[in-house]
Amino acid sequence: MPPLRFCMITTFYPPYNFGGDGIFVHHLANALAQRGHRVEVIHCRDAYRLLARQEPAMPYADHPNVTVHGLESPCGLLSPLATHQTGYPLFKAARIREILRPGFDVIHYHNISLFGPNILTYGQGLKLYTFHEYWLVCPTHTLFRFHRAPCTRPHCFACSLTYKRPPQWWRYTGLLPRGLKQVQAFIAPSRFCKDLHHQRGLDVPMVHLPHFVPAADVAPSLSSPPGQAGPVPFYFLYVGRLEKLKGVQTLIPLFRHYRKAQLWIAGTGSYEAQLRHLTAGDPNIRFLGYRTDQDLQRLYRQAIAVLVPSLCLEIFPLVLLEAFRQHTPAIVRDLGGMPEILLESGGGCRYHTEQELITALDHMVADPSYRHQLGLRGYQGYHQYWTADVHLQRYLTLIRTLAGTHGRGP
């Protein structure tokens, strides 16, 4: 396939980014660029500032073939707020149309929550949309009902109020269905995600295509992890945002009494103060704060296992692939799309109850060969299913197929 021109449209893009959605777009844009394609990224700096209330701490590098348009409006924070309510990128529409005017072979939408559904009608080319969350069927994005448990039956109006968000009146109009008709394929990273969107009544063409993470660029090392002097203690690792729905609070009471290994927590978020309060200064639990990707690769490599205790319906957490890339197994709550990744790779174990979690922890600590076997399976699964080469082969084949079917794009 000759070089193509891609436009990635996403609310968040590193460093103006919180979670895995922006990280994945960064991976995809740069993987395409490294293979000779031209990529432009449109994201919203105002949206990040609205939620973060500060500027990002760390810069991110992009390949020379990637051009990033970080949009800002003279109206500042009013711009994403207006979009949230109307479904239109009111104060950024002219700039977006200007960027799209030259034309692209592929326009790929990601998390467009603070660009609004009307942006699906902008530009010409083959159009794709990736489910990074549940925004198309859930005003709060997460299907985490009343901020307490996975959503099994919609209570959207009341649930939005518990998140302190005003109702989005555009959801009761034809704005979203009109936009969805402009997209040729919707990419579901997990089969769970695909099935759930169908169950919620989303009647659009969906394709299962898992995420990926790039190859590791930090060689395995026997030295101490970042910030750790002397012998490396046994530790289990959590990596991710510190938010209530991520479930870290379910691990802390356990590790205040579990003395066979420590719990190390890498990440920041709005729930961090509550989590630190729960630890009551217990030295068995360490908060590492924000860590670079290079730091995380070393932390993964030396951890007994990575823990993913999410209480929400995760679609496809990149943290599992990042752990497998370093021969590190995973222990995950048996919920959402996470079990699917473990079943395909054999790279870890699942739990429902705290006792099942303790049993899994004990087995990992007591039997290094078991831990090594799971880590090897995860590593092999990563190379079989979740590398950049595997993903891009399927991604570009999808584009070729759609182009032939719809008579547009490359």
Protein backbone atom coordinates (compact mmCIF):
# COMPACT_ATOMS: atom_id res chain seq x y z
CA MET A 1 0.00 0.00 0.00
CA PRO A 2 1.41 3.43 -0.91
CA PRO A 3 1.73 6.07 1.83
CA LEU A 4 -1.65 7.37 3.01
CA ARG A 5 -2.79 10.56 4.72
CA PHE A 6 -4.52 9.98 8.04
CA CYS A 7 -6.28 12.40 10.35
CA MET A 8 -6.79 11.28 13.96
CA ILE A 9 -9.45 13.24 15.84
CA THR A 10 -9.45 12.82 19.61
CA THR A 11 -10.32 14.99 22.59
CA PHE A 12 -7.12 14.08 24.45
CA TYR A 13 -3.62 13.53 23.08
CA PRO A 14 -0.34 13.40 25.02
CA PRO A 15 0.75 15.34 26.89
CA TYR A 16 -2.79 16.80 27.11
CA ASN A 17 -4.09 13.44 28.18
CA PHE A 18 -5.37 11.44 31.16
CA GLY A 19 -5.81 7.78 30.26
CA GLY A 20 -5.26 5.07 27.73
CA ASP A 21 -7.31 6.61 24.91
CA GLY A 22 -4.80 9.36 24.15
CA ILE A 23 -1.86 7.01 24.69
CA PHE A 24 -3.23 4.57 22.13
CA VAL A 25 -3.78 7.33 19.55
CA HIS A 26 -0.16 8.37 20.10
CA HIS A 27 0.95 4.76 19.53
CA LEU A 28 -1.14 4.43 16.37
CA ALA A 29 -0.18 7.79 14.86
CA ASN A 30 3.53 7.20 15.38
CA ALA A 31 3.45 3.57 14.23
CA LEU A 32 1.85 4.69 10.96
CA ALA A 33 4.33 7.54 10.63
CA GLN A 34 7.29 5.21 11.13
CA ARG A 35 6.02 3.18 8.17
CA GLY A 36 5.95 6.19 5.85
CA HIS A 37 2.37 7.40 6.21
CA ARG A 38 1.50 11.03 6.96
CA VAL A 39 -0.59 11.62 10.06
CA GLU A 40 -2.25 14.73 11.44
CA VAL A 41 -3.81 14.76 14.90
CA ILE A 42 -6.55 17.14 16.05
CA HIS A 43 -7.10 17.37 19.81
CA CYS A 44 -8.51 19.87 22.30
CA ARG A 45 -6.20 21.53 24.80
CA ASP A 46 -9.12 23.44 26.29
CA ALA A 47 -10.82 20.17 27.25
CA TYR A 48 -7.73 18.98 29.10
CA ARG A 49 -7.42 22.27 30.96
CA LEU A 50 -11.10 22.17 31.92
CA LEU A 51 -10.61 18.85 33.70
CA ALA A 52 -7.00 19.03 34.86
CA ARG A 53 -6.98 22.71 35.93
CA GLN A 54 -3.30 22.85 35.02
CA GLU A 55 -0.83 22.36 32.21
CA PRO A 56 0.63 18.88 31.56
CA ALA A 57 3.88 18.09 33.31
CA MET A 58 5.80 16.02 30.75
CA PRO A 59 6.34 16.62 27.01
CA TYR A 60 5.78 13.85 24.44
CA ALA A 61 7.77 13.30 21.26
CA ASP A 62 6.21 12.54 17.88
CA HIS A 63 7.67 11.20 14.64
CA PRO A 64 8.45 13.88 12.00
CA ASN A 65 5.59 12.50 9.87
CA VAL A 66 3.10 13.40 12.62
CA THR A 67 1.63 16.92 12.72
CA VAL A 68 -0.29 17.76 15.89
CA HIS A 69 -2.99 20.44 16.05
CA GLY A 70 -3.70 21.26 19.70
CA LEU A 71 -6.80 23.42 19.43
CA GLU A 72 -7.42 26.38 21.71
CA SER A 73 -10.29 28.86 21.62
CA PRO A 74 -10.30 32.50 22.74
CA CYS A 75 -13.33 31.42 24.79
CA GLY A 76 -11.13 29.04 26.76
CA LEU A 77 -13.01 26.62 29.02
CA LEU A 78 -16.34 27.83 27.66
CA SER A 79 -15.57 26.00 24.39
CA PRO A 80 -15.69 22.38 25.69
CA LEU A 81 -18.59 23.26 27.99
CA ALA A 82 -20.60 24.53 25.01
CA THR A 83 -19.74 21.38 23.05
CA HIS A 84 -20.82 19.15 25.94
CA GLN A 85 -24.26 20.74 25.88
CA THR A 86 -24.85 21.26 22.16
CA GLY A 87 -22.96 18.39 20.49
CA TYR A 88 -21.22 20.88 18.15
CA PRO A 89 -17.58 22.11 18.29
CA LEU A 90 -18.96 25.64 18.28
CA PHE A 91 -15.80 27.65 18.88
CA LYS A 92 -13.45 25.36 16.96
CA ALA A 93 -15.50 24.35 13.92
CA ALA A 94 -13.83 26.76 11.49
CA ARG A 95 -10.33 25.62 12.44
CA ILE A 96 -11.27 21.93 12.22
CA ARG A 97 -12.79 22.41 8.75
CA GLU A 98 -9.65 24.29 7.68
CA ILE A 99 -7.41 21.38 8.74
CA LEU A 100 -9.66 18.85 7.00
CA ARG A 101 -10.12 20.87 3.80
CA PRO A 102 -7.07 19.50 1.86
CA GLY A 103 -8.56 16.02 2.24
CA PHE A 104 -7.41 12.78 3.89
CA ASP A 105 -7.50 9.18 2.82
CA VAL A 106 -8.70 8.17 6.30
CA ILE A 107 -10.34 10.20 9.06
CA HIS A 108 -10.18 8.16 12.27
CA TYR A 109 -12.27 9.31 15.25
CA HIS A 110 -11.37 8.23 18.77
CA ASN A 111 -12.66 9.81 21.99
CA ILE A 112 -14.58 12.78 20.54
CA SER A 113 -16.68 13.49 23.64
CA LEU A 114 -15.70 17.17 23.82
CA PHE A 115 -15.76 17.68 20.07
CA GLY A 116 -19.35 16.45 19.86
CA PRO A 117 -21.10 14.04 17.47
CA ASN A 118 -21.54 16.65 14.75
CA ILE A 119 -17.81 16.42 14.00
CA LEU A 120 -18.51 13.00 12.45
CA THR A 121 -19.95 14.87 9.48
CA TYR A 122 -16.80 16.95 8.88
CA GLY A 123 -14.32 16.21 6.10
CA GLN A 124 -14.12 13.74 3.23
CA GLY A 125 -12.49 10.32 3.20
CA LEU A 126 -12.92 6.87 4.64
CA LYS A 127 -14.15 7.26 8.23
CA LEU A 128 -13.40 5.00 11.18
CA TYR A 129 -14.37 5.26 14.85
CA THR A 130 -12.71 3.39 17.75
CA PHE A 131 -14.55 2.61 20.99
CA HIS A 132 -12.22 3.74 23.77
CA GLU A 133 -15.14 4.11 26.20
CA TYR A 134 -18.92 3.91 26.13
CA TRP A 135 -19.64 7.52 25.20
CA LEU A 136 -21.98 6.63 22.32
CA VAL A 137 -24.33 4.81 24.73
CA CYS A 138 -23.49 6.41 28.09
CA PRO A 139 -23.40 10.15 28.98
CA THR A 140 -20.78 9.46 31.69
CA HIS A 141 -18.62 7.36 29.27
CA THR A 142 -17.99 4.54 31.78
CA LEU A 143 -21.24 2.62 32.33
CA PHE A 144 -20.43 2.92 36.04
CA ARG A 145 -23.93 3.54 37.39
CA PHE A 146 -24.32 6.16 40.13
CA HIS A 147 -20.54 6.02 40.60
CA ARG A 148 -20.98 2.73 42.43
CA ALA A 149 -21.27 -0.32 40.16
CA PRO A 150 -21.39 -1.44 36.51
CA CYS A 151 -24.54 -0.31 34.72
CA THR A 152 -27.00 -3.11 34.02
CA ARG A 153 -30.06 -0.94 33.29
CA PRO A 154 -29.96 2.67 32.05
CA HIS A 155 -30.75 5.48 34.49
CA CYS A 156 -28.96 8.10 32.40
CA PHE A 157 -30.63 11.29 33.62
CA ALA A 158 -30.27 10.53 37.34
CA CYS A 159 -26.83 8.98 36.89
CA SER A 160 -25.48 12.08 35.11
CA LEU A 161 -26.54 14.18 38.09
CA THR A 162 -24.56 11.97 40.49
CA TYR A 163 -21.48 12.76 38.36
CA LYS A 164 -22.35 16.46 38.70
CA ARG A 165 -22.85 16.77 34.94
CA PRO A 166 -25.83 18.50 33.34
CA PRO A 167 -27.96 16.37 30.99
CA GLN A 168 -26.91 16.49 27.34
CA TRP A 169 -30.07 17.49 25.51
CA TRP A 170 -28.57 16.70 22.10
CA ARG A 171 -28.81 13.00 23.02
CA TYR A 172 -32.58 13.30 22.66
CA THR A 173 -32.34 14.62 19.09
CA GLY A 174 -31.26 13.09 15.78
CA LEU A 175 -27.76 14.59 15.97
CA LEU A 176 -25.94 11.39 16.95
CA PRO A 177 -27.72 9.05 14.46
CA ARG A 178 -26.95 11.47 11.62
CA GLY A 179 -23.28 11.50 12.55
CA LEU A 180 -23.03 7.71 12.92
CA LYS A 181 -24.22 7.23 9.34
CA GLN A 182 -21.08 9.00 8.10
CA VAL A 183 -18.75 6.33 9.54
CA GLN A 184 -17.90 3.23 7.52
CA ALA A 185 -16.64 1.05 10.40
CA PHE A 186 -16.60 1.13 14.20
CA ILE A 187 -13.60 -0.59 15.75
CA ALA A 188 -14.18 -2.59 18.96
CA PRO A 189 -10.90 -3.46 20.77
CA SER A 190 -12.59 -6.37 22.59
CA ARG A 191 -15.40 -8.74 21.73
CA PHE A 192 -17.00 -7.81 25.04
CA CYS A 193 -17.13 -4.18 23.93
CA LYS A 194 -18.61 -5.12 20.56
CA ASP A 195 -21.32 -7.29 22.11
CA LEU A 196 -22.21 -4.72 24.76
CA HIS A 197 -22.70 -1.93 22.22
CA HIS A 198 -24.98 -4.22 20.20
CA GLN A 199 -26.93 -5.03 23.37
CA ARG A 200 -27.34 -1.32 24.06
CA GLY A 201 -29.01 -0.91 20.67
CA LEU A 202 -26.13 0.59 18.66
CA ASP A 203 -26.87 -0.65 15.13
CA VAL A 204 -23.65 0.20 13.27
CA PRO A 205 -21.02 -1.88 11.38
CA MET A 206 -18.52 -3.09 13.99
CA VAL A 207 -15.15 -4.78 13.57
CA HIS A 208 -13.13 -6.47 16.31
CA LEU A 209 -9.56 -5.14 16.27
CA PRO A 210 -7.55 -5.25 19.53
CA HIS A 211 -5.22 -2.45 20.63
CA PHE A 212 -1.42 -2.78 20.69
CA VAL A 213 1.59 -1.32 22.46
CA PRO A 214 5.00 -0.72 20.80
CA ALA A 215 7.96 -2.96 21.49
CA ALA A 216 9.82 -2.29 24.73
CA ASP A 217 12.66 0.19 24.46
CA VAL A 218 14.14 -0.46 27.92
CA ALA A 219 16.20 -3.63 28.21
CA PRO A 220 15.35 -5.91 31.14
CA SER A 221 17.52 -4.98 34.09
CA LEU A 222 18.35 -6.51 37.47
CA SER A 223 19.05 -3.12 39.00
CA SER A 224 16.71 -1.47 41.47
CA PRO A 225 13.51 0.13 40.13
CA PRO A 226 13.36 3.94 39.91
CA GLY A 227 13.55 5.55 43.31
CA GLN A 228 14.44 2.30 45.09
CA ALA A 229 17.86 1.97 46.72
CA GLY A 230 19.27 -1.36 47.86
CA PRO A 231 17.64 -4.79 47.46
CA VAL A 232 14.41 -4.91 45.51
CA PRO A 233 11.49 -6.01 47.72
CA PHE A 234 8.71 -8.26 46.54
CA TYR A 235 5.95 -6.06 45.19
CA PHE A 236 2.74 -6.22 43.22
CA LEU A 237 2.18 -3.28 40.90
CA TYR A 238 -0.83 -1.14 40.03
CA VAL A 239 -0.48 1.26 37.07
CA GLY A 240 -3.19 3.68 36.04
CA ARG A 241 -5.39 6.59 36.98
CA LEU A 242 -6.31 6.92 40.63
CA GLU A 243 -10.08 7.13 40.34
CA LYS A 244 -12.81 5.39 42.32
CA LEU A 245 -13.96 3.22 39.42
CA LYS A 246 -10.42 1.79 39.05
CA GLY A 247 -10.84 -0.07 42.34
CA VAL A 248 -7.48 0.59 44.03
CA GLN A 249 -9.37 1.19 47.28
CA THR A 250 -10.27 -2.51 47.29
CA LEU A 251 -6.57 -3.45 47.42
CA ILE A 252 -5.44 -1.16 50.23
CA PRO A 253 -7.20 -2.83 53.21
CA LEU A 254 -5.87 -6.18 52.01
CA PHE A 255 -2.25 -5.01 51.74
CA ARG A 256 -2.36 -3.34 55.14
CA HIS A 257 -2.43 -6.90 56.50
CA TYR A 258 -0.75 -8.85 53.69
CA ARG A 259 2.98 -8.95 54.56
CA LYS A 260 4.30 -11.37 51.98
CA ALA A 261 4.76 -8.56 49.43
CA GLN A 262 4.24 -4.82 49.04
CA LEU A 263 1.77 -2.92 46.89
CA TRP A 264 3.28 -0.23 44.65
CA ILE A 265 0.90 2.25 43.03
CA ALA A 266 2.02 4.23 39.95
CA GLY A 267 -0.24 7.02 38.74
CA THR A 268 -2.17 10.08 39.81
CA GLY A 269 -5.81 11.13 39.83
CA SER A 270 -8.66 12.82 41.64
CA TYR A 271 -9.07 9.94 44.12
CA GLU A 272 -5.45 9.96 45.27
CA ALA A 273 -6.01 11.86 48.52
CA GLN A 274 -8.68 9.39 49.64
CA LEU A 275 -6.43 6.45 48.79
CA ARG A 276 -3.51 7.90 50.74
CA HIS A 277 -5.83 8.44 53.70
CA LEU A 278 -6.87 4.77 53.55
CA THR A 279 -3.25 3.62 53.79
CA ALA A 280 -2.73 5.52 57.08
CA GLY A 281 0.99 5.72 56.31
CA ASP A 282 1.45 1.94 56.09
CA PRO A 283 4.99 1.33 54.70
CA ASN A 284 3.75 -1.79 52.90
CA ILE A 285 1.95 0.45 50.39
CA ARG A 286 3.97 2.88 48.23
CA PHE A 287 2.65 5.67 46.03
CA LEU A 288 5.03 6.30 43.14
CA GLY A 289 3.18 9.18 41.46
CA TYR A 290 3.53 9.87 37.74
CA ARG A 291 6.17 7.72 36.02
CA THR A 292 7.60 7.88 32.52
CA ASP A 293 7.14 4.97 30.15
CA GLN A 294 10.80 4.00 30.64
CA ASP A 295 10.34 3.94 34.42
CA LEU A 296 7.19 1.86 34.07
CA GLN A 297 8.90 -0.73 31.88
CA ARG A 298 11.44 -1.37 34.67
CA LEU A 299 8.72 -1.42 37.31
CA TYR A 300 6.69 -3.95 35.34
CA ARG A 301 9.72 -6.14 34.76
CA GLN A 302 10.54 -6.49 38.46
CA ALA A 303 7.00 -6.78 39.80
CA ILE A 304 5.62 -10.15 40.86
CA ALA A 305 2.49 -9.33 38.86
CA VAL A 306 0.43 -6.34 37.79
CA LEU A 307 -2.95 -5.94 39.53
CA VAL A 308 -6.00 -4.58 37.70
CA PRO A 309 -8.86 -4.34 40.24
CA SER A 310 -11.20 -2.15 38.13
CA LEU A 311 -14.82 -1.98 39.26
CA CYS A 312 -15.95 -0.68 35.87
CA LEU A 313 -16.39 -2.45 32.54
CA GLU A 314 -12.92 -1.90 31.12
CA ILE A 315 -12.84 -2.24 27.33
CA PHE A 316 -9.17 -3.07 26.71
CA PRO A 317 -6.67 -1.78 29.30
CA LEU A 318 -3.23 -1.21 27.77
CA VAL A 319 -1.63 -1.92 31.14
CA LEU A 320 -2.05 -5.66 30.50
CA LEU A 321 -0.13 -5.49 27.24
CA GLU A 322 2.54 -3.31 28.86
CA ALA A 323 2.99 -5.96 31.56
CA PHE A 324 3.06 -8.88 29.10
CA ARG A 325 5.67 -7.02 27.05
CA GLN A 326 7.95 -7.29 30.09
CA HIS A 327 7.22 -10.99 30.86
CA THR A 328 5.05 -9.94 33.81
CA PRO A 329 1.77 -11.75 34.52
CA ALA A 330 -1.49 -10.08 35.54
CA ILE A 331 -4.16 -10.62 38.17
CA VAL A 332 -7.43 -8.98 37.12
CA ARG A 333 -10.97 -8.68 38.36
CA ASP A 334 -13.20 -10.95 36.29
CA LEU A 335 -15.14 -8.09 34.70
CA GLY A 336 -15.51 -6.37 31.32
CA GLY A 337 -13.02 -7.00 28.54
CA MET A 338 -10.08 -7.94 30.79
CA PRO A 339 -10.78 -11.70 31.11
CA GLU A 340 -10.82 -11.92 27.31
CA ILE A 341 -7.17 -10.82 27.16
CA LEU A 342 -6.14 -13.37 29.78
CA LEU A 343 -8.05 -16.19 28.11
CA GLU A 344 -6.34 -15.49 24.77
CA SER A 345 -2.85 -15.32 26.25
CA GLY A 346 -2.89 -17.43 29.41
CA GLY A 347 -0.83 -14.63 30.95
CA GLY A 348 -2.49 -14.36 34.33
CA CYS A 349 -5.44 -15.17 36.52
CA ARG A 350 -8.84 -13.71 37.39
CA TYR A 351 -10.68 -13.23 40.64
CA HIS A 352 -14.19 -12.47 41.86
CA THR A 353 -13.75 -12.34 45.62
CA GLU A 354 -11.05 -11.08 47.96
CA GLN A 355 -10.26 -14.64 49.00
CA GLU A 356 -9.67 -15.59 45.36
CA LEU A 357 -7.36 -12.59 45.05
CA ILE A 358 -5.39 -13.62 48.15
CA THR A 359 -5.06 -17.15 46.77
CA ALA A 360 -3.68 -15.75 43.51
CA LEU A 361 -1.23 -13.48 45.34
CA ASP A 362 0.01 -16.36 47.50
CA HIS A 363 0.52 -18.61 44.49
CA MET A 364 2.57 -15.94 42.69
CA VAL A 365 4.74 -15.29 45.76
CA ALA A 366 5.31 -18.91 46.72
CA ASP A 367 5.99 -20.36 43.27
CA PRO A 368 8.40 -18.34 41.08
CA SER A 369 8.18 -20.96 38.33
CA TYR A 370 4.41 -20.46 38.15
CA ARG A 371 4.91 -16.71 37.91
CA HIS A 372 7.56 -17.21 35.20
CA GLN A 373 5.29 -19.57 33.24
CA LEU A 374 2.41 -17.07 33.23
CA GLY A 375 4.76 -14.23 32.32
CA LEU A 376 6.13 -16.23 29.38
CA ARG A 377 2.62 -16.98 28.13
CA GLY A 378 1.74 -13.30 28.35
CA TYR A 379 4.90 -12.37 26.45
CA GLN A 380 4.15 -14.91 23.73
CA GLY A 381 0.55 -13.68 23.55
CA TYR A 382 1.78 -10.12 23.17
CA HIS A 383 3.91 -11.08 20.17
CA GLN A 384 1.13 -13.14 18.62
CA TYR A 385 -1.76 -10.68 18.99
CA TRP A 386 -0.81 -7.20 20.23
CA THR A 387 2.31 -5.83 18.52
CA ALA A 388 2.29 -2.82 16.19
CA ASP A 389 2.99 -5.01 13.16
CA VAL A 390 0.08 -7.35 13.89
CA HIS A 391 -2.29 -4.47 14.52
CA LEU A 392 -1.30 -2.42 11.47
CA GLN A 393 -1.55 -5.40 9.14
CA ARG A 394 -5.18 -5.87 10.19
CA TYR A 395 -5.84 -2.13 10.32
CA LEU A 396 -4.59 -1.47 6.79
CA THR A 397 -6.38 -4.56 5.46
CA LEU A 398 -9.60 -3.18 6.94
CA ILE A 399 -8.98 0.13 5.19
CA ARG A 400 -8.35 -1.57 1.84
CA THR A 401 -11.50 -3.66 2.22
CA LEU A 402 -13.67 -0.68 3.15
CA ALA A 403 -12.21 1.42 0.36
CA GLY A 404 -13.18 -1.24 -2.16
CA THR A 405 -16.64 -1.69 -0.67
CA HIS A 406 -17.54 1.99 -0.30
CA GLY A 407 -15.61 3.41 -3.24
CA ARG A 408 -13.87 6.09 -1.20
CA GLY A 409 -10.63 6.64 0.69
CA PRO A 410 -7.29 5.23 -0.56
